[in-house]
Amino acid sequence: MQEAGFWDDIKRAEEVTKKSKLIKDKIENFDKLKSQIEDIEVLKEIMEDDDEESANEIIQTLRDIQEQIDDYNMKVLLCGEYDKNNAILTLHVGVGGTDANDWTEMLLRMYTRWCEKQGYSIETLDLLPGDEAGIKSVTLKVTGEYAYGYLKAEKGIHRLVRISPYNANGKRQTSFASMEVLPELTKEQDIEIRSDDLKIDTYRSGGAGGQHVNKTDSAVRITHIPTGIVVQCQNERSQFSNRDTAMEMLKSKLVELKERAHKEKIEDLTGELKDMGWGSQIRSYVFHPYSMVKDHRTNVETSNVTSVMDGEIDMFINAYLKQQ
């Protein structure tokens, strides 16, 4: 970072500086953990047999150390090329009518709460409201270390079973929504996309965003012609800003698709691959006739539905990552 010309490329310099800080933080955390263990050893040597206060202090310190070790071990599992990256999270409504729109919005709240607990920041890139209630789709940018690494465990179909508040007969309703997550690429991971492979449309923003965005064709939709992948963004007031964001989303989708398709180049991707990977539901959320949330991949389950919907989903994420 002391080399001449380091700050000539500001974006790259900021990324290098950020990585340097993360490494320094890890070293500091390790040194702190080592110091805590040494303090326990000293305390054990000097404490009396009936020193209850010191014993309680040791027990609490050991609990704190165990939490830090668990966190460290989890991050060791997140060693993929993109695991440290920010994430682009998209929710899509599935089968279930109005209930499914409502369910999609409930999942949005769940992931928002989880991100807040992790200290991650969230930016809404695109949102399509439901006709009567809830939302049809939403795309978020989640900023924070390992956001993609953790959230990739949530990718798939999420199923809800409950008594429908939208059914006058009070019948039980099953609804579905899908969660897709992509890594936001750093400049060092950037890829080139041929302009001839793109179709770019502009349109007036809808939904949230205020009056300004609805008066101009500021929203942008980009189609990658070879694969048929479509991305759109209407978050910013500027058409150019929305275009830049949509391009970043497209690049993330293409890189993720390339990884799953085991292709060497983006140019090798074709439309037949674009629907890979959803499969059946990964998790069921049952509100009636009993309360239960169960992950079908790991068999981890809990009856505390309220806690889960309030963002307490680490048990599912960690169990999935550990079995990979």
C-alpha atoms as a PDB file:
ATOM      1  CA  MET A   1       0.000   0.000   0.000  1.00  0.00           C
ATOM      2  CA  GLN A   2       3.056   2.250   0.289  1.00  0.00           C
ATOM      3  CA  GLU A   3       4.009   1.751  -3.352  1.00  0.00           C
ATOM      4  CA  ALA A   4       3.941   4.704  -5.713  1.00  0.00           C
ATOM      5  CA  GLY A   5       0.729   4.832  -7.724  1.00  0.00           C
ATOM      6  CA  PHE A   6      -1.196   2.629  -5.268  1.00  0.00           C
ATOM      7  CA  TRP A   7      -4.040   5.163  -5.060  1.00  0.00           C
ATOM      8  CA  ASP A   8      -4.189   5.768  -8.811  1.00  0.00           C
ATOM      9  CA  ASP A   9      -6.946   3.146  -8.992  1.00  0.00           C
ATOM     10  CA  ILE A  10      -9.088   4.268  -6.059  1.00  0.00           C
ATOM     11  CA  LYS A  11     -11.610   1.412  -6.205  1.00  0.00           C
ATOM     12  CA  ARG A  12      -8.925  -1.269  -6.243  1.00  0.00           C
ATOM     13  CA  ALA A  13      -6.965   0.547  -3.537  1.00  0.00           C
ATOM     14  CA  GLU A  14     -10.044   0.630  -1.314  1.00  0.00           C
ATOM     15  CA  GLU A  15     -10.564  -3.116  -1.811  1.00  0.00           C
ATOM     16  CA  VAL A  16      -6.923  -3.868  -0.923  1.00  0.00           C
ATOM     17  CA  THR A  17      -7.141  -1.600   2.122  1.00  0.00           C
ATOM     18  CA  LYS A  18     -10.337  -3.345   3.217  1.00  0.00           C
ATOM     19  CA  LYS A  19      -8.708  -6.787   2.882  1.00  0.00           C
ATOM     20  CA  SER A  20      -5.678  -5.569   4.829  1.00  0.00           C
ATOM     21  CA  LYS A  21      -7.914  -4.382   7.648  1.00  0.00           C
ATOM     22  CA  LEU A  22      -9.754  -7.719   7.745  1.00  0.00           C
ATOM     23  CA  ILE A  23      -6.456  -9.588   8.069  1.00  0.00           C
ATOM     24  CA  LYS A  24      -5.266  -7.250  10.833  1.00  0.00           C
ATOM     25  CA  ASP A  25      -8.574  -7.698  12.660  1.00  0.00           C
ATOM     26  CA  LYS A  26      -8.218 -11.488  12.517  1.00  0.00           C
ATOM     27  CA  ILE A  27      -4.697 -11.303  13.921  1.00  0.00           C
ATOM     28  CA  GLU A  28      -5.884  -9.011  16.722  1.00  0.00           C
ATOM     29  CA  ASN A  29      -8.781 -11.355  17.521  1.00  0.00           C
ATOM     30  CA  PHE A  30      -6.423 -14.335  17.635  1.00  0.00           C
ATOM     31  CA  ASP A  31      -4.033 -12.477  19.952  1.00  0.00           C
ATOM     32  CA  LYS A  32      -6.941 -11.480  22.167  1.00  0.00           C
ATOM     33  CA  LEU A  33      -8.165 -15.081  22.322  1.00  0.00           C
ATOM     34  CA  LYS A  34      -4.676 -16.311  23.179  1.00  0.00           C
ATOM     35  CA  SER A  35      -4.397 -13.696  25.945  1.00  0.00           C
ATOM     36  CA  GLN A  36      -7.754 -14.754  27.426  1.00  0.00           C
ATOM     37  CA  ILE A  37      -6.624 -18.392  27.587  1.00  0.00           C
ATOM     38  CA  GLU A  38      -3.381 -17.361  29.278  1.00  0.00           C
ATOM     39  CA  ASP A  39      -5.328 -15.276  31.807  1.00  0.00           C
ATOM     40  CA  ILE A  40      -7.429 -18.322  32.699  1.00  0.00           C
ATOM     41  CA  GLU A  41      -4.306 -20.386  33.292  1.00  0.00           C
ATOM     42  CA  VAL A  42      -2.962 -17.698  35.643  1.00  0.00           C
ATOM     43  CA  LEU A  43      -6.280 -17.389  37.465  1.00  0.00           C
ATOM     44  CA  LYS A  44      -6.467 -21.151  37.958  1.00  0.00           C
ATOM     45  CA  GLU A  45      -3.027 -21.182  39.577  1.00  0.00           C
ATOM     46  CA  ILE A  46      -3.719 -18.403  42.081  1.00  0.00           C
ATOM     47  CA  MET A  47      -7.347 -19.080  42.981  1.00  0.00           C
ATOM     48  CA  GLU A  48      -8.284 -20.787  46.244  1.00  0.00           C
ATOM     49  CA  ASP A  49     -10.299 -23.990  46.339  1.00  0.00           C
ATOM     50  CA  ASP A  50     -13.361 -22.195  47.712  1.00  0.00           C
ATOM     51  CA  ASP A  51     -13.035 -19.078  45.539  1.00  0.00           C
ATOM     52  CA  GLU A  52     -16.512 -19.146  43.965  1.00  0.00           C
ATOM     53  CA  GLU A  53     -16.176 -15.705  42.381  1.00  0.00           C
ATOM     54  CA  SER A  54     -13.026 -16.668  40.478  1.00  0.00           C
ATOM     55  CA  ALA A  55     -14.591 -19.980  39.448  1.00  0.00           C
ATOM     56  CA  ASN A  56     -17.610 -18.157  37.979  1.00  0.00           C
ATOM     57  CA  GLU A  57     -15.295 -15.753  36.159  1.00  0.00           C
ATOM     58  CA  ILE A  58     -13.410 -18.659  34.609  1.00  0.00           C
ATOM     59  CA  ILE A  59     -16.639 -20.355  33.530  1.00  0.00           C
ATOM     60  CA  GLN A  60     -17.933 -17.191  31.851  1.00  0.00           C
ATOM     61  CA  THR A  61     -14.601 -16.554  30.135  1.00  0.00           C
ATOM     62  CA  LEU A  62     -14.550 -20.134  28.853  1.00  0.00           C
ATOM     63  CA  ARG A  63     -18.039 -19.643  27.412  1.00  0.00           C
ATOM     64  CA  ASP A  64     -16.915 -16.473  25.665  1.00  0.00           C
ATOM     65  CA  ILE A  65     -13.861 -18.246  24.271  1.00  0.00           C
ATOM     66  CA  GLN A  66     -15.975 -21.143  23.030  1.00  0.00           C
ATOM     67  CA  GLU A  67     -18.262 -18.738  21.170  1.00  0.00           C
ATOM     68  CA  GLN A  68     -15.249 -17.121  19.520  1.00  0.00           C
ATOM     69  CA  ILE A  69     -13.828 -20.530  18.573  1.00  0.00           C
ATOM     70  CA  ASP A  70     -17.179 -21.613  17.106  1.00  0.00           C
ATOM     71  CA  ASP A  71     -17.281 -18.409  15.056  1.00  0.00           C
ATOM     72  CA  TYR A  72     -13.712 -18.977  13.876  1.00  0.00           C
ATOM     73  CA  ASN A  73     -14.423 -22.601  12.913  1.00  0.00           C
ATOM     74  CA  MET A  74     -17.486 -21.522  10.949  1.00  0.00           C
ATOM     75  CA  LYS A  75     -15.463 -19.007   8.965  1.00  0.00           C
ATOM     76  CA  VAL A  76     -12.883 -21.691   8.207  1.00  0.00           C
ATOM     77  CA  LEU A  77     -15.696 -23.484   6.344  1.00  0.00           C
ATOM     78  CA  LEU A  78     -16.304 -20.362   4.277  1.00  0.00           C
ATOM     79  CA  CYS A  79     -13.264 -20.779   2.066  1.00  0.00           C
ATOM     80  CA  GLY A  80     -14.907 -20.510  -1.349  1.00  0.00           C
ATOM     81  CA  GLU A  81     -13.678 -17.945  -3.863  1.00  0.00           C
ATOM     82  CA  TYR A  82     -16.668 -15.671  -3.292  1.00  0.00           C
ATOM     83  CA  ASP A  83     -17.615 -16.494   0.310  1.00  0.00           C
ATOM     84  CA  LYS A  84     -16.222 -13.240   1.745  1.00  0.00           C
ATOM     85  CA  ASN A  85     -18.120 -11.134  -0.765  1.00  0.00           C
ATOM     86  CA  ASN A  86     -21.206  -9.012  -0.339  1.00  0.00           C
ATOM     87  CA  ALA A  87     -24.382 -10.729  -1.494  1.00  0.00           C
ATOM     88  CA  ILE A  88     -27.233 -10.000  -3.882  1.00  0.00           C
ATOM     89  CA  LEU A  89     -30.352 -11.650  -2.475  1.00  0.00           C
ATOM     90  CA  THR A  90     -33.541 -12.092  -4.502  1.00  0.00           C
ATOM     91  CA  LEU A  91     -36.914 -13.413  -3.354  1.00  0.00           C
ATOM     92  CA  HIS A  92     -39.539 -14.536  -5.888  1.00  0.00           C
ATOM     93  CA  VAL A  93     -43.170 -15.414  -5.200  1.00  0.00           C
ATOM     94  CA  GLY A  94     -44.164 -18.996  -5.956  1.00  0.00           C
ATOM     95  CA  VAL A  95     -47.426 -20.940  -6.019  1.00  0.00           C
ATOM     96  CA  GLY A  96     -50.093 -19.800  -3.563  1.00  0.00           C
ATOM     97  CA  GLY A  97     -51.743 -16.616  -4.832  1.00  0.00           C
ATOM     98  CA  THR A  98     -52.093 -13.730  -2.394  1.00  0.00           C
ATOM     99  CA  ASP A  99     -50.819 -15.906   0.454  1.00  0.00           C
ATOM    100  CA  ALA A 100     -47.615 -16.514  -1.482  1.00  0.00           C
ATOM    101  CA  ASN A 101     -47.140 -12.759  -1.971  1.00  0.00           C
ATOM    102  CA  ASP A 102     -47.588 -12.293   1.759  1.00  0.00           C
ATOM    103  CA  TRP A 103     -45.178 -15.164   2.453  1.00  0.00           C
ATOM    104  CA  THR A 104     -42.531 -13.577   0.228  1.00  0.00           C
ATOM    105  CA  GLU A 105     -42.794 -10.359   2.251  1.00  0.00           C
ATOM    106  CA  MET A 106     -42.556 -12.348   5.493  1.00  0.00           C
ATOM    107  CA  LEU A 107     -39.307 -13.895   4.250  1.00  0.00           C
ATOM    108  CA  LEU A 108     -38.051 -10.421   3.364  1.00  0.00           C
ATOM    109  CA  ARG A 109     -38.638  -9.367   6.968  1.00  0.00           C
ATOM    110  CA  MET A 110     -36.925 -12.547   8.261  1.00  0.00           C
ATOM    111  CA  TYR A 111     -33.780 -11.960   6.202  1.00  0.00           C
ATOM    112  CA  THR A 112     -33.779  -8.249   7.038  1.00  0.00           C
ATOM    113  CA  ARG A 113     -33.830  -9.090  10.759  1.00  0.00           C
ATOM    114  CA  TRP A 114     -31.054 -11.645  10.299  1.00  0.00           C
ATOM    115  CA  CYS A 115     -28.881  -9.126   8.448  1.00  0.00           C
ATOM    116  CA  GLU A 116     -29.415  -6.562  11.199  1.00  0.00           C
ATOM    117  CA  LYS A 117     -28.292  -9.089  13.810  1.00  0.00           C
ATOM    118  CA  GLN A 118     -25.120  -9.742  11.790  1.00  0.00           C
ATOM    119  CA  GLY A 119     -24.377  -6.045  11.471  1.00  0.00           C
ATOM    120  CA  TYR A 120     -24.854  -6.157   7.690  1.00  0.00           C
ATOM    121  CA  SER A 121     -26.270  -3.211   5.763  1.00  0.00           C
ATOM    122  CA  ILE A 122     -29.111  -3.670   3.269  1.00  0.00           C
ATOM    123  CA  GLU A 123     -30.011  -1.774   0.122  1.00  0.00           C
ATOM    124  CA  THR A 124     -33.174  -2.482  -1.893  1.00  0.00           C
ATOM    125  CA  LEU A 125     -32.289  -2.689  -5.591  1.00  0.00           C
ATOM    126  CA  ASP A 126     -35.667  -3.708  -6.982  1.00  0.00           C
ATOM    127  CA  LEU A 127     -39.125  -4.406  -5.554  1.00  0.00           C
ATOM    128  CA  LEU A 128     -42.383  -5.457  -7.190  1.00  0.00           C
ATOM    129  CA  PRO A 129     -45.449  -5.204  -4.896  1.00  0.00           C
ATOM    130  CA  GLY A 130     -48.222  -7.797  -4.908  1.00  0.00           C
ATOM    131  CA  ASP A 131     -51.612  -6.939  -6.383  1.00  0.00           C
ATOM    132  CA  GLU A 132     -53.501  -7.260  -3.083  1.00  0.00           C
ATOM    133  CA  ALA A 133     -50.866  -7.796  -0.419  1.00  0.00           C
ATOM    134  CA  GLY A 134     -47.205  -8.645   0.057  1.00  0.00           C
ATOM    135  CA  ILE A 135     -44.649  -8.590  -2.745  1.00  0.00           C
ATOM    136  CA  LYS A 136     -44.024 -10.519  -5.938  1.00  0.00           C
ATOM    137  CA  SER A 137     -40.272 -10.100  -5.890  1.00  0.00           C
ATOM    138  CA  VAL A 138     -37.495  -8.125  -4.228  1.00  0.00           C
ATOM    139  CA  THR A 139     -33.748  -7.835  -4.760  1.00  0.00           C
ATOM    140  CA  LEU A 140     -31.432  -6.680  -1.981  1.00  0.00           C
ATOM    141  CA  LYS A 141     -27.751  -5.905  -1.782  1.00  0.00           C
ATOM    142  CA  VAL A 142     -26.347  -7.187   1.518  1.00  0.00           C
ATOM    143  CA  THR A 143     -23.036  -5.591   2.464  1.00  0.00           C
ATOM    144  CA  GLY A 144     -20.758  -7.214   5.021  1.00  0.00           C
ATOM    145  CA  GLU A 145     -17.943  -9.739   5.388  1.00  0.00           C
ATOM    146  CA  TYR A 146     -19.026 -13.301   4.489  1.00  0.00           C
ATOM    147  CA  ALA A 147     -22.560 -12.154   3.551  1.00  0.00           C
ATOM    148  CA  TYR A 148     -22.544 -14.442   0.513  1.00  0.00           C
ATOM    149  CA  GLY A 149     -20.835 -17.295   2.342  1.00  0.00           C
ATOM    150  CA  TYR A 150     -23.593 -17.462   4.941  1.00  0.00           C
ATOM    151  CA  LEU A 151     -26.587 -16.624   2.757  1.00  0.00           C
ATOM    152  CA  LYS A 152     -25.732 -19.223   0.109  1.00  0.00           C
ATOM    153  CA  ALA A 153     -27.024 -21.758   2.653  1.00  0.00           C
ATOM    154  CA  GLU A 154     -30.515 -20.262   2.235  1.00  0.00           C
ATOM    155  CA  LYS A 155     -30.825 -20.698  -1.508  1.00  0.00           C
ATOM    156  CA  GLY A 156     -33.868 -22.698  -2.585  1.00  0.00           C
ATOM    157  CA  ILE A 157     -37.628 -23.038  -2.140  1.00  0.00           C
ATOM    158  CA  HIS A 158     -39.231 -22.075   1.193  1.00  0.00           C
ATOM    159  CA  ARG A 159     -42.662 -23.556   1.999  1.00  0.00           C
ATOM    160  CA  LEU A 160     -45.303 -22.125   4.340  1.00  0.00           C
ATOM    161  CA  VAL A 161     -48.301 -23.964   5.801  1.00  0.00           C
ATOM    162  CA  ARG A 162     -50.875 -21.923   7.757  1.00  0.00           C
ATOM    163  CA  ILE A 163     -54.519 -20.922   8.058  1.00  0.00           C
ATOM    164  CA  SER A 164     -54.938 -18.341   5.329  1.00  0.00           C
ATOM    165  CA  PRO A 165     -55.914 -14.835   6.516  1.00  0.00           C
ATOM    166  CA  TYR A 166     -57.120 -14.215   2.958  1.00  0.00           C
ATOM    167  CA  ASN A 167     -59.571 -17.128   2.889  1.00  0.00           C
ATOM    168  CA  ALA A 168     -63.016 -16.418   4.331  1.00  0.00           C
ATOM    169  CA  ASN A 169     -63.518 -20.114   5.076  1.00  0.00           C
ATOM    170  CA  GLY A 170     -60.379 -20.278   7.229  1.00  0.00           C
ATOM    171  CA  LYS A 171     -58.834 -23.068   5.195  1.00  0.00           C
ATOM    172  CA  ARG A 172     -55.261 -24.223   5.497  1.00  0.00           C
ATOM    173  CA  GLN A 173     -53.066 -22.848   2.717  1.00  0.00           C
ATOM    174  CA  THR A 174     -49.663 -23.931   1.423  1.00  0.00           C
ATOM    175  CA  SER A 175     -47.528 -21.223  -0.170  1.00  0.00           C
ATOM    176  CA  PHE A 176     -44.092 -21.156  -1.764  1.00  0.00           C
ATOM    177  CA  ALA A 177     -41.341 -18.600  -2.382  1.00  0.00           C
ATOM    178  CA  SER A 178     -37.836 -18.960  -3.768  1.00  0.00           C
ATOM    179  CA  MET A 179     -34.637 -17.408  -2.479  1.00  0.00           C
ATOM    180  CA  GLU A 180     -31.685 -16.814  -4.799  1.00  0.00           C
ATOM    181  CA  VAL A 181     -28.348 -15.391  -3.683  1.00  0.00           C
ATOM    182  CA  LEU A 182     -25.342 -14.300  -5.707  1.00  0.00           C
ATOM    183  CA  PRO A 183     -21.931 -12.882  -4.785  1.00  0.00           C
ATOM    184  CA  GLU A 184     -21.284  -9.247  -5.591  1.00  0.00           C
ATOM    185  CA  LEU A 185     -18.037  -9.331  -7.545  1.00  0.00           C
ATOM    186  CA  THR A 186     -15.039  -7.263  -6.511  1.00  0.00           C
ATOM    187  CA  LYS A 187     -13.082  -5.399  -9.157  1.00  0.00           C
ATOM    188  CA  GLU A 188     -10.426  -8.124  -9.084  1.00  0.00           C
ATOM    189  CA  GLN A 189     -13.118 -10.719  -9.885  1.00  0.00           C
ATOM    190  CA  ASP A 190     -14.730  -8.641 -12.632  1.00  0.00           C
ATOM    191  CA  ILE A 191     -15.616 -10.197 -15.993  1.00  0.00           C
ATOM    192  CA  GLU A 192     -16.138  -8.854 -19.495  1.00  0.00           C
ATOM    193  CA  ILE A 193     -19.482  -9.225 -21.252  1.00  0.00           C
ATOM    194  CA  ARG A 194     -19.809  -8.611 -24.971  1.00  0.00           C
ATOM    195  CA  SER A 195     -22.107  -5.674 -25.707  1.00  0.00           C
ATOM    196  CA  ASP A 196     -23.613  -7.599 -28.636  1.00  0.00           C
ATOM    197  CA  ASP A 197     -24.920 -10.155 -26.113  1.00  0.00           C
ATOM    198  CA  LEU A 198     -26.992  -7.547 -24.270  1.00  0.00           C
ATOM    199  CA  LYS A 199     -30.440  -6.077 -24.765  1.00  0.00           C
ATOM    200  CA  ILE A 200     -31.020  -2.997 -22.603  1.00  0.00           C
ATOM    201  CA  ASP A 201     -34.488  -1.554 -21.985  1.00  0.00           C
ATOM    202  CA  THR A 202     -35.522   1.460 -19.914  1.00  0.00           C
ATOM    203  CA  TYR A 203     -38.915   2.047 -18.322  1.00  0.00           C
ATOM    204  CA  ARG A 204     -40.611   4.060 -15.623  1.00  0.00           C
ATOM    205  CA  SER A 205     -40.069   2.870 -12.087  1.00  0.00           C
ATOM    206  CA  GLY A 206     -42.984   1.440 -10.160  1.00  0.00           C
ATOM    207  CA  GLY A 207     -43.644   0.720  -6.502  1.00  0.00           C
ATOM    208  CA  ALA A 208     -41.573   2.445  -3.838  1.00  0.00           C
ATOM    209  CA  GLY A 209     -39.317   5.291  -4.816  1.00  0.00           C
ATOM    210  CA  GLY A 210     -41.399   8.408  -4.679  1.00  0.00           C
ATOM    211  CA  GLN A 211     -42.823  10.607  -7.403  1.00  0.00           C
ATOM    212  CA  HIS A 212     -39.502  11.509  -9.000  1.00  0.00           C
ATOM    213  CA  VAL A 213     -38.630   8.038 -10.242  1.00  0.00           C
ATOM    214  CA  ASN A 214     -42.061   7.606 -11.819  1.00  0.00           C
ATOM    215  CA  LYS A 215     -41.719  10.693 -14.037  1.00  0.00           C
ATOM    216  CA  THR A 216     -38.699   9.481 -16.034  1.00  0.00           C
ATOM    217  CA  ASP A 217     -37.575   6.246 -17.673  1.00  0.00           C
ATOM    218  CA  SER A 218     -34.961   5.697 -14.965  1.00  0.00           C
ATOM    219  CA  ALA A 219     -35.467   1.953 -14.395  1.00  0.00           C
ATOM    220  CA  VAL A 220     -33.271  -0.400 -16.416  1.00  0.00           C
ATOM    221  CA  ARG A 221     -33.796  -3.974 -17.576  1.00  0.00           C
ATOM    222  CA  ILE A 222     -30.891  -5.926 -19.103  1.00  0.00           C
ATOM    223  CA  THR A 223     -31.273  -9.225 -20.948  1.00  0.00           C
ATOM    224  CA  HIS A 224     -28.290 -11.472 -21.601  1.00  0.00           C
ATOM    225  CA  ILE A 225     -29.313 -12.856 -24.981  1.00  0.00           C
ATOM    226  CA  PRO A 226     -27.281 -16.134 -25.025  1.00  0.00           C
ATOM    227  CA  THR A 227     -28.729 -17.354 -21.701  1.00  0.00           C
ATOM    228  CA  GLY A 228     -31.989 -15.400 -21.524  1.00  0.00           C
ATOM    229  CA  ILE A 229     -31.086 -14.126 -18.042  1.00  0.00           C
ATOM    230  CA  VAL A 230     -32.912 -10.895 -17.171  1.00  0.00           C
ATOM    231  CA  VAL A 231     -31.960  -8.437 -14.418  1.00  0.00           C
ATOM    232  CA  GLN A 232     -33.500  -5.105 -13.557  1.00  0.00           C
ATOM    233  CA  CYS A 233     -32.935  -2.214 -11.179  1.00  0.00           C
ATOM    234  CA  GLN A 234     -35.092   0.777 -10.317  1.00  0.00           C
ATOM    235  CA  ASN A 235     -33.607   1.820  -7.003  1.00  0.00           C
ATOM    236  CA  GLU A 236     -31.655   4.887  -8.106  1.00  0.00           C
ATOM    237  CA  ARG A 237     -33.009   8.109  -9.590  1.00  0.00           C
ATOM    238  CA  SER A 238     -30.369   8.055 -12.322  1.00  0.00           C
ATOM    239  CA  GLN A 239     -30.772   5.729 -15.286  1.00  0.00           C
ATOM    240  CA  PHE A 240     -26.982   5.426 -15.454  1.00  0.00           C
ATOM    241  CA  SER A 241     -26.760   4.353 -11.795  1.00  0.00           C
ATOM    242  CA  ASN A 242     -29.489   1.758 -12.311  1.00  0.00           C
ATOM    243  CA  ARG A 243     -27.705   0.492 -15.410  1.00  0.00           C
ATOM    244  CA  ASP A 244     -24.415   0.101 -13.532  1.00  0.00           C
ATOM    245  CA  THR A 245     -26.157  -1.779 -10.702  1.00  0.00           C
ATOM    246  CA  ALA A 246     -28.042  -4.017 -13.139  1.00  0.00           C
ATOM    247  CA  MET A 247     -24.763  -4.853 -14.910  1.00  0.00           C
ATOM    248  CA  GLU A 248     -23.178  -5.865 -11.609  1.00  0.00           C
ATOM    249  CA  MET A 249     -26.185  -8.098 -10.894  1.00  0.00           C
ATOM    250  CA  LEU A 250     -25.896  -9.684 -14.344  1.00  0.00           C
ATOM    251  CA  LYS A 251     -22.189 -10.365 -13.922  1.00  0.00           C
ATOM    252  CA  SER A 252     -22.859 -12.050 -10.582  1.00  0.00           C
ATOM    253  CA  LYS A 253     -25.552 -14.228 -12.131  1.00  0.00           C
ATOM    254  CA  LEU A 254     -23.312 -15.259 -15.008  1.00  0.00           C
ATOM    255  CA  VAL A 255     -20.344 -16.089 -12.766  1.00  0.00           C
ATOM    256  CA  GLU A 256     -22.545 -18.155 -10.441  1.00  0.00           C
ATOM    257  CA  LEU A 257     -24.082 -19.932 -13.431  1.00  0.00           C
ATOM    258  CA  LYS A 258     -20.649 -20.589 -14.924  1.00  0.00           C
ATOM    259  CA  GLU A 259     -19.501 -22.158 -11.659  1.00  0.00           C
ATOM    260  CA  ARG A 260     -22.510 -24.480 -11.467  1.00  0.00           C
ATOM    261  CA  ALA A 261     -22.314 -25.400 -15.148  1.00  0.00           C
ATOM    262  CA  HIS A 262     -18.551 -26.069 -14.905  1.00  0.00           C
ATOM    263  CA  LYS A 263     -17.850 -23.886 -17.933  1.00  0.00           C
ATOM    264  CA  GLU A 264     -14.494 -22.253 -18.579  1.00  0.00           C
ATOM    265  CA  LYS A 265     -15.852 -19.070 -20.152  1.00  0.00           C
ATOM    266  CA  ILE A 266     -18.977 -16.928 -19.890  1.00  0.00           C
ATOM    267  CA  GLU A 267     -19.332 -17.281 -23.666  1.00  0.00           C
ATOM    268  CA  ASP A 268     -19.905 -21.023 -23.232  1.00  0.00           C
ATOM    269  CA  LEU A 269     -23.197 -20.469 -21.392  1.00  0.00           C
ATOM    270  CA  THR A 270     -26.475 -21.094 -23.193  1.00  0.00           C
ATOM    271  CA  GLY A 271     -30.155 -20.604 -22.379  1.00  0.00           C
ATOM    272  CA  GLU A 272     -30.698 -24.276 -21.552  1.00  0.00           C
ATOM    273  CA  LEU A 273     -28.753 -23.777 -18.329  1.00  0.00           C
ATOM    274  CA  LYS A 274     -30.567 -20.772 -16.881  1.00  0.00           C
ATOM    275  CA  ASP A 275     -33.101 -22.707 -14.764  1.00  0.00           C
ATOM    276  CA  MET A 276     -30.627 -25.007 -13.049  1.00  0.00           C
ATOM    277  CA  GLY A 277     -30.631 -25.603  -9.349  1.00  0.00           C
ATOM    278  CA  TRP A 278     -33.940 -24.850  -7.617  1.00  0.00           C
ATOM    279  CA  GLY A 279     -35.242 -28.370  -6.988  1.00  0.00           C
ATOM    280  CA  SER A 280     -37.734 -29.033  -4.187  1.00  0.00           C
ATOM    281  CA  GLN A 281     -38.194 -27.009  -1.019  1.00  0.00           C
ATOM    282  CA  ILE A 282     -35.259 -26.796   1.355  1.00  0.00           C
ATOM    283  CA  ARG A 283     -37.326 -25.812   4.407  1.00  0.00           C
ATOM    284  CA  SER A 284     -40.906 -25.953   5.650  1.00  0.00           C
ATOM    285  CA  TYR A 285     -42.474 -23.418   8.006  1.00  0.00           C
ATOM    286  CA  VAL A 286     -45.614 -24.876   9.575  1.00  0.00           C
ATOM    287  CA  PHE A 287     -47.854 -22.480  11.523  1.00  0.00           C
ATOM    288  CA  HIS A 288     -50.883 -24.830  11.628  1.00  0.00           C
ATOM    289  CA  PRO A 289     -51.974 -27.404  12.821  1.00  0.00           C
ATOM    290  CA  TYR A 290     -48.733 -27.276  14.877  1.00  0.00           C
ATOM    291  CA  SER A 291     -45.700 -24.980  15.057  1.00  0.00           C
ATOM    292  CA  MET A 292     -42.534 -26.258  13.431  1.00  0.00           C
ATOM    293  CA  VAL A 293     -39.747 -25.089  11.139  1.00  0.00           C
ATOM    294  CA  LYS A 294     -37.748 -27.928   9.599  1.00  0.00           C
ATOM    295  CA  ASP A 295     -34.812 -27.882   7.213  1.00  0.00           C
ATOM    296  CA  HIS A 296     -35.159 -30.891   4.925  1.00  0.00           C
ATOM    297  CA  ARG A 297     -31.444 -30.986   4.040  1.00  0.00           C
ATOM    298  CA  THR A 298     -30.088 -31.275   7.592  1.00  0.00           C
ATOM    299  CA  ASN A 299     -33.221 -32.318   9.551  1.00  0.00           C
ATOM    300  CA  VAL A 300     -32.600 -29.417  11.950  1.00  0.00           C
ATOM    301  CA  GLU A 301     -35.935 -28.269  13.353  1.00  0.00           C
ATOM    302  CA  THR A 302     -37.434 -26.002  15.981  1.00  0.00           C
ATOM    303  CA  SER A 303     -40.922 -25.300  17.314  1.00  0.00           C
ATOM    304  CA  ASN A 304     -40.070 -21.628  17.955  1.00  0.00           C
ATOM    305  CA  VAL A 305     -41.576 -20.274  14.738  1.00  0.00           C
ATOM    306  CA  THR A 306     -41.731 -16.717  16.081  1.00  0.00           C
ATOM    307  CA  SER A 307     -37.989 -16.661  16.744  1.00  0.00           C
ATOM    308  CA  VAL A 308     -37.177 -17.965  13.270  1.00  0.00           C
ATOM    309  CA  MET A 309     -39.381 -15.389  11.571  1.00  0.00           C
ATOM    310  CA  ASP A 310     -37.604 -12.744  13.631  1.00  0.00           C
ATOM    311  CA  GLY A 311     -34.294 -13.682  11.991  1.00  0.00           C
ATOM    312  CA  GLU A 312     -32.977 -16.452  14.261  1.00  0.00           C
ATOM    313  CA  ILE A 313     -31.865 -18.758  11.426  1.00  0.00           C
ATOM    314  CA  ASP A 314     -28.205 -19.366  12.325  1.00  0.00           C
ATOM    315  CA  MET A 315     -29.011 -22.927  13.442  1.00  0.00           C
ATOM    316  CA  PHE A 316     -30.104 -23.774   9.893  1.00  0.00           C
ATOM    317  CA  ILE A 317     -27.274 -21.922   8.162  1.00  0.00           C
ATOM    318  CA  ASN A 318     -24.532 -23.389  10.363  1.00  0.00           C
ATOM    319  CA  ALA A 319     -25.844 -26.952  10.121  1.00  0.00           C
ATOM    320  CA  TYR A 320     -25.983 -26.741   6.329  1.00  0.00           C
ATOM    321  CA  LEU A 321     -22.472 -25.305   6.024  1.00  0.00           C
ATOM    322  CA  LYS A 322     -21.024 -27.948   8.367  1.00  0.00           C
ATOM    323  CA  GLN A 323     -22.373 -30.821   6.266  1.00  0.00           C
ATOM    324  CA  GLN A 324     -20.977 -29.488   2.990  1.00  0.00           C
END
